[in-house]
Amino acid sequence: MIGYIGLALPWLLILIVLWRDGRPVWEKLDSVSAYYYTGANALFVGMLFVLGLFLAAYEGYDNKFQKWDRRFARIAAVAAVLVAFFPTAAPRVQGITPLVWWDPWIGRIHFGAAVVLFVIFAVFCLWLFRATEKSAAKPERDKEKMPDPDPDKKCRNHLYALCGAVIFGCIIWAGYNGANGKPIFWQEAIALTCFALSWLVKGYWLRSIAELAGVKPAGKFTRSWLVPRGSV
């Protein structure tokens, strides 16, 4: 579910704004966060809040990195909720009215939470998703005796590394554009899409890629009634 939310969010925002606000408004929105001020407000806040809930419920993988899975997921959960409920400044677009209660400190919280969220997405791709069961299951002296339980993991790790590198590249690119008053929507959308793809492969939901890479179902949530095992 986490992967599907990340994959769908930017594109659903575009569709809803085109439908409810029209193309002239959509063309002037320069970030994903700016959609808070459009007819897609409910979708923006709702999907980020649900993303936060699923990240908070995420238990991680049963290896020595599990505690880090949980910690980073919970930090990301808080960041996602903060991004949803502490909006960025209103875009200067005709037809969009700034919030009377908005203050610059709210924007600073939004910015900090968004940076934390994207950095953690990259950390998942570059480190946690690439962690091996072999390194967690046995002490150093026994590793060479253990057969690799998943010979195709190297292929998946290349995908995770690529997604993580793209996310970091998008963070830097967005930072440059933001500092120079340029749009950052597509950098955010690409970063979300890369994280979603890596999460779906890790969770064995993106079957077309997962089967090519030899992925096996893994991962679970703390509440079996919330999301079945393997759906992260």
C-alpha atoms as a PDB file:
ATOM      1  CA  MET A   1       0.000   0.000   0.000  1.00  0.00           C
ATOM      2  CA  ILE A   2       2.862   2.400   0.771  1.00  0.00           C
ATOM      3  CA  GLY A   3       4.228   1.873  -2.724  1.00  0.00           C
ATOM      4  CA  TYR A   4       0.873   2.417  -4.377  1.00  0.00           C
ATOM      5  CA  ILE A   5       0.308   5.682  -2.497  1.00  0.00           C
ATOM      6  CA  GLY A   6       3.692   7.034  -3.532  1.00  0.00           C
ATOM      7  CA  LEU A   7       3.168   5.931  -7.123  1.00  0.00           C
ATOM      8  CA  ALA A   8      -0.325   7.389  -7.469  1.00  0.00           C
ATOM      9  CA  LEU A   9      -0.105  10.630  -5.486  1.00  0.00           C
ATOM     10  CA  PRO A  10       1.473  13.095  -7.955  1.00  0.00           C
ATOM     11  CA  TRP A  11      -0.448  11.820 -10.952  1.00  0.00           C
ATOM     12  CA  LEU A  12      -3.827  11.798  -9.190  1.00  0.00           C
ATOM     13  CA  LEU A  13      -3.184  15.359  -8.039  1.00  0.00           C
ATOM     14  CA  ILE A  14      -2.632  16.423 -11.645  1.00  0.00           C
ATOM     15  CA  LEU A  15      -5.815  14.718 -12.855  1.00  0.00           C
ATOM     16  CA  ILE A  16      -8.000  16.178 -10.120  1.00  0.00           C
ATOM     17  CA  VAL A  17      -6.670  19.712 -10.555  1.00  0.00           C
ATOM     18  CA  LEU A  18      -7.149  19.542 -14.321  1.00  0.00           C
ATOM     19  CA  TRP A  19     -10.714  18.385 -13.704  1.00  0.00           C
ATOM     20  CA  ARG A  20     -11.689  20.755 -10.881  1.00  0.00           C
ATOM     21  CA  ASP A  21      -9.483  23.821 -11.343  1.00  0.00           C
ATOM     22  CA  GLY A  22      -8.574  23.750 -15.009  1.00  0.00           C
ATOM     23  CA  ARG A  23      -5.385  23.767 -17.007  1.00  0.00           C
ATOM     24  CA  PRO A  24      -4.442  27.442 -16.340  1.00  0.00           C
ATOM     25  CA  VAL A  25      -4.188  26.757 -12.585  1.00  0.00           C
ATOM     26  CA  TRP A  26      -2.371  23.442 -13.038  1.00  0.00           C
ATOM     27  CA  GLU A  27       0.269  24.978 -15.303  1.00  0.00           C
ATOM     28  CA  LYS A  28       1.265  27.459 -12.583  1.00  0.00           C
ATOM     29  CA  LEU A  29       1.602  25.012  -9.674  1.00  0.00           C
ATOM     30  CA  ASP A  30       5.306  24.589  -9.022  1.00  0.00           C
ATOM     31  CA  SER A  31       5.394  21.798  -6.414  1.00  0.00           C
ATOM     32  CA  VAL A  32       3.451  18.802  -5.142  1.00  0.00           C
ATOM     33  CA  SER A  33       2.816  20.704  -1.911  1.00  0.00           C
ATOM     34  CA  ALA A  34       1.154  23.567  -3.804  1.00  0.00           C
ATOM     35  CA  TYR A  35      -1.755  21.237  -4.559  1.00  0.00           C
ATOM     36  CA  TYR A  36      -2.841  21.760  -0.949  1.00  0.00           C
ATOM     37  CA  TYR A  37      -4.464  24.985  -2.185  1.00  0.00           C
ATOM     38  CA  THR A  38      -6.423  23.398  -5.027  1.00  0.00           C
ATOM     39  CA  GLY A  39      -9.458  21.217  -5.480  1.00  0.00           C
ATOM     40  CA  ALA A  40      -7.160  18.260  -4.772  1.00  0.00           C
ATOM     41  CA  ASN A  41      -6.635  19.353  -1.146  1.00  0.00           C
ATOM     42  CA  ALA A  42      -8.545  16.425   0.348  1.00  0.00           C
ATOM     43  CA  LEU A  43      -6.584  13.929  -1.744  1.00  0.00           C
ATOM     44  CA  PHE A  44      -3.240  15.542  -0.871  1.00  0.00           C
ATOM     45  CA  VAL A  45      -3.870  15.607   2.881  1.00  0.00           C
ATOM     46  CA  GLY A  46      -5.672  12.267   2.970  1.00  0.00           C
ATOM     47  CA  MET A  47      -3.074  10.278   1.051  1.00  0.00           C
ATOM     48  CA  LEU A  48      -0.178  11.721   3.045  1.00  0.00           C
ATOM     49  CA  PHE A  49      -1.998  10.963   6.289  1.00  0.00           C
ATOM     50  CA  VAL A  50      -2.698   7.387   5.194  1.00  0.00           C
ATOM     51  CA  LEU A  51       0.925   7.057   4.078  1.00  0.00           C
ATOM     52  CA  GLY A  52       1.942   8.139   7.572  1.00  0.00           C
ATOM     53  CA  LEU A  53      -0.337   5.532   9.151  1.00  0.00           C
ATOM     54  CA  PHE A  54       1.084   2.716   7.048  1.00  0.00           C
ATOM     55  CA  LEU A  55       4.652   3.809   7.688  1.00  0.00           C
ATOM     56  CA  ALA A  56       3.941   3.926  11.424  1.00  0.00           C
ATOM     57  CA  ALA A  57       2.513   0.400  11.268  1.00  0.00           C
ATOM     58  CA  TYR A  58       5.397  -0.972   9.211  1.00  0.00           C
ATOM     59  CA  GLU A  59       7.312  -3.575  11.198  1.00  0.00           C
ATOM     60  CA  GLY A  60      10.272  -4.101   8.903  1.00  0.00           C
ATOM     61  CA  TYR A  61      12.084  -7.224   7.776  1.00  0.00           C
ATOM     62  CA  ASP A  62      13.182  -9.991  10.085  1.00  0.00           C
ATOM     63  CA  ASN A  63      16.920  -9.374  10.092  1.00  0.00           C
ATOM     64  CA  LYS A  64      19.439  -7.413  12.118  1.00  0.00           C
ATOM     65  CA  PHE A  65      18.368  -4.204  10.405  1.00  0.00           C
ATOM     66  CA  GLN A  66      14.742  -4.558  11.514  1.00  0.00           C
ATOM     67  CA  LYS A  67      15.072  -1.978  14.267  1.00  0.00           C
ATOM     68  CA  TRP A  68      16.383   0.515  11.717  1.00  0.00           C
ATOM     69  CA  ASP A  69      13.495  -0.320   9.374  1.00  0.00           C
ATOM     70  CA  ARG A  70      11.104   0.549  12.174  1.00  0.00           C
ATOM     71  CA  ARG A  71      12.907   3.678  13.314  1.00  0.00           C
ATOM     72  CA  PHE A  72      13.231   5.204   9.882  1.00  0.00           C
ATOM     73  CA  ALA A  73       9.657   4.250   8.982  1.00  0.00           C
ATOM     74  CA  ARG A  74       8.318   5.960  12.096  1.00  0.00           C
ATOM     75  CA  ILE A  75      10.351   9.091  11.468  1.00  0.00           C
ATOM     76  CA  ALA A  76       9.049   9.103   7.889  1.00  0.00           C
ATOM     77  CA  ALA A  77       5.500   8.627   9.222  1.00  0.00           C
ATOM     78  CA  VAL A  78       5.790  11.733  11.391  1.00  0.00           C
ATOM     79  CA  ALA A  79       7.321  13.665   8.491  1.00  0.00           C
ATOM     80  CA  ALA A  80       4.492  12.660   6.128  1.00  0.00           C
ATOM     81  CA  VAL A  81       1.837  13.832   8.593  1.00  0.00           C
ATOM     82  CA  LEU A  82       3.678  17.115   9.173  1.00  0.00           C
ATOM     83  CA  VAL A  83       3.879  17.713   5.419  1.00  0.00           C
ATOM     84  CA  ALA A  84       0.120  17.146   5.197  1.00  0.00           C
ATOM     85  CA  PHE A  85      -0.961  19.372   8.073  1.00  0.00           C
ATOM     86  CA  PHE A  86       1.657  22.139   7.905  1.00  0.00           C
ATOM     87  CA  PRO A  87       1.228  23.500   4.369  1.00  0.00           C
ATOM     88  CA  THR A  88       3.722  25.374   2.275  1.00  0.00           C
ATOM     89  CA  ALA A  89       3.129  28.995   1.324  1.00  0.00           C
ATOM     90  CA  ALA A  90       0.260  29.577  -1.071  1.00  0.00           C
ATOM     91  CA  PRO A  91       1.346  29.759  -4.711  1.00  0.00           C
ATOM     92  CA  ARG A  92       0.859  33.095  -6.425  1.00  0.00           C
ATOM     93  CA  VAL A  93      -1.782  31.870  -8.814  1.00  0.00           C
ATOM     94  CA  GLN A  94      -4.961  33.682  -9.758  1.00  0.00           C
ATOM     95  CA  GLY A  95      -7.923  32.028  -8.070  1.00  0.00           C
ATOM     96  CA  ILE A  96      -5.919  30.672  -5.114  1.00  0.00           C
ATOM     97  CA  THR A  97      -6.459  32.486  -1.823  1.00  0.00           C
ATOM     98  CA  PRO A  98      -3.715  32.388   0.839  1.00  0.00           C
ATOM     99  CA  LEU A  99      -4.663  30.984   4.229  1.00  0.00           C
ATOM    100  CA  VAL A 100      -5.348  33.688   6.816  1.00  0.00           C
ATOM    101  CA  TRP A 101      -3.808  31.553   9.562  1.00  0.00           C
ATOM    102  CA  TRP A 102      -0.656  30.623   7.652  1.00  0.00           C
ATOM    103  CA  ASP A 103       2.651  31.879   9.072  1.00  0.00           C
ATOM    104  CA  PRO A 104       6.259  31.480   7.855  1.00  0.00           C
ATOM    105  CA  TRP A 105       7.096  29.082  10.702  1.00  0.00           C
ATOM    106  CA  ILE A 106       4.459  26.714   9.309  1.00  0.00           C
ATOM    107  CA  GLY A 107       6.272  26.761   5.986  1.00  0.00           C
ATOM    108  CA  ARG A 108       9.575  26.005   7.688  1.00  0.00           C
ATOM    109  CA  ILE A 109       8.083  22.943   9.380  1.00  0.00           C
ATOM    110  CA  HIS A 110       6.671  21.820   6.038  1.00  0.00           C
ATOM    111  CA  PHE A 111      10.001  22.250   4.287  1.00  0.00           C
ATOM    112  CA  GLY A 112      11.986  20.433   6.978  1.00  0.00           C
ATOM    113  CA  ALA A 113       9.516  17.539   7.109  1.00  0.00           C
ATOM    114  CA  ALA A 114       9.536  17.188   3.310  1.00  0.00           C
ATOM    115  CA  VAL A 115      13.338  17.047   3.221  1.00  0.00           C
ATOM    116  CA  VAL A 116      13.391  14.419   5.986  1.00  0.00           C
ATOM    117  CA  LEU A 117      10.766  12.349   4.169  1.00  0.00           C
ATOM    118  CA  PHE A 118      12.635  12.289   0.855  1.00  0.00           C
ATOM    119  CA  VAL A 119      15.995  11.618   2.509  1.00  0.00           C
ATOM    120  CA  ILE A 120      14.510   8.633   4.352  1.00  0.00           C
ATOM    121  CA  PHE A 121      13.068   7.357   1.075  1.00  0.00           C
ATOM    122  CA  ALA A 122      16.612   7.408  -0.309  1.00  0.00           C
ATOM    123  CA  VAL A 123      17.972   5.698   2.824  1.00  0.00           C
ATOM    124  CA  PHE A 124      15.484   2.861   2.390  1.00  0.00           C
ATOM    125  CA  CYS A 125      16.565   2.381  -1.225  1.00  0.00           C
ATOM    126  CA  LEU A 126      20.319   2.705  -0.731  1.00  0.00           C
ATOM    127  CA  TRP A 127      20.674   0.856   2.568  1.00  0.00           C
ATOM    128  CA  LEU A 128      17.716  -0.921   4.154  1.00  0.00           C
ATOM    129  CA  PHE A 129      16.244  -2.494   1.026  1.00  0.00           C
ATOM    130  CA  ARG A 130      19.700  -3.734   0.042  1.00  0.00           C
ATOM    131  CA  ALA A 131      20.450  -5.378   3.406  1.00  0.00           C
ATOM    132  CA  THR A 132      20.927  -9.141   3.078  1.00  0.00           C
ATOM    133  CA  GLU A 133      19.491 -11.920   5.176  1.00  0.00           C
ATOM    134  CA  LYS A 134      22.869 -13.627   4.984  1.00  0.00           C
ATOM    135  CA  SER A 135      24.595 -10.773   6.767  1.00  0.00           C
ATOM    136  CA  ALA A 136      21.987 -10.814   9.491  1.00  0.00           C
ATOM    137  CA  ALA A 137      21.530 -14.513  10.103  1.00  0.00           C
ATOM    138  CA  LYS A 138      25.032 -15.714  11.012  1.00  0.00           C
ATOM    139  CA  PRO A 139      28.219 -14.358  12.562  1.00  0.00           C
ATOM    140  CA  GLU A 140      31.075 -13.326  10.290  1.00  0.00           C
ATOM    141  CA  ARG A 141      32.930 -16.652  10.525  1.00  0.00           C
ATOM    142  CA  ASP A 142      29.926 -18.589   9.203  1.00  0.00           C
ATOM    143  CA  LYS A 143      28.967 -16.382   6.283  1.00  0.00           C
ATOM    144  CA  GLU A 144      31.107 -18.170   3.709  1.00  0.00           C
ATOM    145  CA  LYS A 145      29.462 -21.489   4.595  1.00  0.00           C
ATOM    146  CA  MET A 146      25.980 -20.184   3.951  1.00  0.00           C
ATOM    147  CA  PRO A 147      24.414 -20.471   0.493  1.00  0.00           C
ATOM    148  CA  ASP A 148      22.851 -17.275  -0.720  1.00  0.00           C
ATOM    149  CA  PRO A 149      19.093 -17.755  -0.121  1.00  0.00           C
ATOM    150  CA  ASP A 150      18.267 -15.430  -2.980  1.00  0.00           C
ATOM    151  CA  PRO A 151      20.754 -15.492  -5.886  1.00  0.00           C
ATOM    152  CA  ASP A 152      18.844 -12.750  -7.705  1.00  0.00           C
ATOM    153  CA  LYS A 153      19.096 -10.246  -4.882  1.00  0.00           C
ATOM    154  CA  LYS A 154      22.056  -8.554  -6.565  1.00  0.00           C
ATOM    155  CA  CYS A 155      19.797  -7.668  -9.481  1.00  0.00           C
ATOM    156  CA  ARG A 156      17.229  -6.134  -7.154  1.00  0.00           C
ATOM    157  CA  ASN A 157      19.945  -4.287  -5.273  1.00  0.00           C
ATOM    158  CA  HIS A 158      20.997  -2.586  -8.498  1.00  0.00           C
ATOM    159  CA  LEU A 159      17.416  -1.404  -8.934  1.00  0.00           C
ATOM    160  CA  TYR A 160      17.243  -0.116  -5.346  1.00  0.00           C
ATOM    161  CA  ALA A 161      20.585   1.661  -5.736  1.00  0.00           C
ATOM    162  CA  LEU A 162      19.442   3.292  -8.968  1.00  0.00           C
ATOM    163  CA  CYS A 163      16.192   4.468  -7.367  1.00  0.00           C
ATOM    164  CA  GLY A 164      18.056   5.799  -4.331  1.00  0.00           C
ATOM    165  CA  ALA A 165      20.554   7.663  -6.493  1.00  0.00           C
ATOM    166  CA  VAL A 166      17.744   9.212  -8.530  1.00  0.00           C
ATOM    167  CA  ILE A 167      15.963  10.291  -5.335  1.00  0.00           C
ATOM    168  CA  PHE A 168      19.102  11.975  -4.009  1.00  0.00           C
ATOM    169  CA  GLY A 169      19.642  13.580  -7.397  1.00  0.00           C
ATOM    170  CA  CYS A 170      16.083  14.906  -7.341  1.00  0.00           C
ATOM    171  CA  ILE A 171      16.594  16.296  -3.816  1.00  0.00           C
ATOM    172  CA  ILE A 172      19.660  18.230  -4.977  1.00  0.00           C
ATOM    173  CA  TRP A 173      17.951  19.316  -8.189  1.00  0.00           C
ATOM    174  CA  ALA A 174      14.851  20.466  -6.296  1.00  0.00           C
ATOM    175  CA  GLY A 175      17.024  22.349  -3.823  1.00  0.00           C
ATOM    176  CA  TYR A 176      18.744  24.182  -6.661  1.00  0.00           C
ATOM    177  CA  ASN A 177      15.469  25.008  -8.398  1.00  0.00           C
ATOM    178  CA  GLY A 178      13.821  26.095  -5.156  1.00  0.00           C
ATOM    179  CA  ALA A 179      16.703  28.412  -4.320  1.00  0.00           C
ATOM    180  CA  ASN A 180      16.375  29.988  -7.761  1.00  0.00           C
ATOM    181  CA  GLY A 181      12.602  30.321  -7.811  1.00  0.00           C
ATOM    182  CA  LYS A 182      12.046  27.518 -10.300  1.00  0.00           C
ATOM    183  CA  PRO A 183       9.407  24.735 -10.172  1.00  0.00           C
ATOM    184  CA  ILE A 184      10.182  21.530  -8.279  1.00  0.00           C
ATOM    185  CA  PHE A 185       7.070  19.471  -9.034  1.00  0.00           C
ATOM    186  CA  TRP A 186       8.687  17.033 -11.438  1.00  0.00           C
ATOM    187  CA  GLN A 187      11.667  16.417  -9.179  1.00  0.00           C
ATOM    188  CA  GLU A 188       9.283  15.537  -6.343  1.00  0.00           C
ATOM    189  CA  ALA A 189       7.123  13.395  -8.614  1.00  0.00           C
ATOM    190  CA  ILE A 190      10.125  11.464  -9.956  1.00  0.00           C
ATOM    191  CA  ALA A 191      11.470  10.900  -6.435  1.00  0.00           C
ATOM    192  CA  LEU A 192       8.085   9.613  -5.239  1.00  0.00           C
ATOM    193  CA  THR A 193       7.808   7.328  -8.260  1.00  0.00           C
ATOM    194  CA  CYS A 194      11.290   5.867  -7.721  1.00  0.00           C
ATOM    195  CA  PHE A 195      10.604   5.167  -4.063  1.00  0.00           C
ATOM    196  CA  ALA A 196       7.241   3.620  -4.920  1.00  0.00           C
ATOM    197  CA  LEU A 197       8.784   1.324  -7.540  1.00  0.00           C
ATOM    198  CA  SER A 198      11.489   0.142  -5.154  1.00  0.00           C
ATOM    199  CA  TRP A 199       8.946  -0.443  -2.373  1.00  0.00           C
ATOM    200  CA  LEU A 200       6.645  -2.398  -4.666  1.00  0.00           C
ATOM    201  CA  VAL A 201       9.517  -4.594  -5.832  1.00  0.00           C
ATOM    202  CA  LYS A 202      10.635  -5.157  -2.247  1.00  0.00           C
ATOM    203  CA  GLY A 203       7.102  -6.021  -1.206  1.00  0.00           C
ATOM    204  CA  TYR A 204       6.503  -8.289  -4.237  1.00  0.00           C
ATOM    205  CA  TRP A 205       3.509  -6.346  -5.513  1.00  0.00           C
ATOM    206  CA  LEU A 206       5.043  -5.146  -8.752  1.00  0.00           C
ATOM    207  CA  ARG A 207       5.087  -8.653 -10.200  1.00  0.00           C
ATOM    208  CA  SER A 208       6.373  -7.785 -13.680  1.00  0.00           C
ATOM    209  CA  ILE A 209       9.626  -6.424 -12.238  1.00  0.00           C
ATOM    210  CA  ALA A 210       9.692  -8.608  -9.153  1.00  0.00           C
ATOM    211  CA  GLU A 211       9.490 -11.861 -11.096  1.00  0.00           C
ATOM    212  CA  LEU A 212      12.261 -10.792 -13.453  1.00  0.00           C
ATOM    213  CA  ALA A 213      14.407 -10.021 -10.427  1.00  0.00           C
ATOM    214  CA  GLY A 214      13.440 -13.151  -8.537  1.00  0.00           C
ATOM    215  CA  VAL A 215      11.802 -11.364  -5.622  1.00  0.00           C
ATOM    216  CA  LYS A 216      10.244 -13.416  -2.849  1.00  0.00           C
ATOM    217  CA  PRO A 217       7.485 -12.066  -0.606  1.00  0.00           C
ATOM    218  CA  ALA A 218       8.777 -10.419   2.545  1.00  0.00           C
ATOM    219  CA  GLY A 219       7.919  -7.821   5.112  1.00  0.00           C
ATOM    220  CA  LYS A 220       4.920  -7.409   7.363  1.00  0.00           C
ATOM    221  CA  PHE A 221       2.877  -4.973   9.347  1.00  0.00           C
ATOM    222  CA  THR A 222       2.275  -4.953  13.068  1.00  0.00           C
ATOM    223  CA  ARG A 223      -1.459  -5.503  12.546  1.00  0.00           C
ATOM    224  CA  SER A 224      -2.341  -8.499  10.401  1.00  0.00           C
ATOM    225  CA  TRP A 225      -5.875  -7.163   9.993  1.00  0.00           C
ATOM    226  CA  LEU A 226      -4.543  -3.847   8.708  1.00  0.00           C
ATOM    227  CA  VAL A 227      -2.478  -5.130   5.802  1.00  0.00           C
ATOM    228  CA  PRO A 228      -1.599  -8.733   4.935  1.00  0.00           C
ATOM    229  CA  ARG A 229       2.015  -9.798   5.147  1.00  0.00           C
ATOM    230  CA  GLY A 230       3.928  -9.045   1.984  1.00  0.00           C
ATOM    231  CA  SER A 231       1.885  -5.973   1.062  1.00  0.00           C
ATOM    232  CA  VAL A 232       4.493  -3.315   1.872  1.00  0.00           C
END
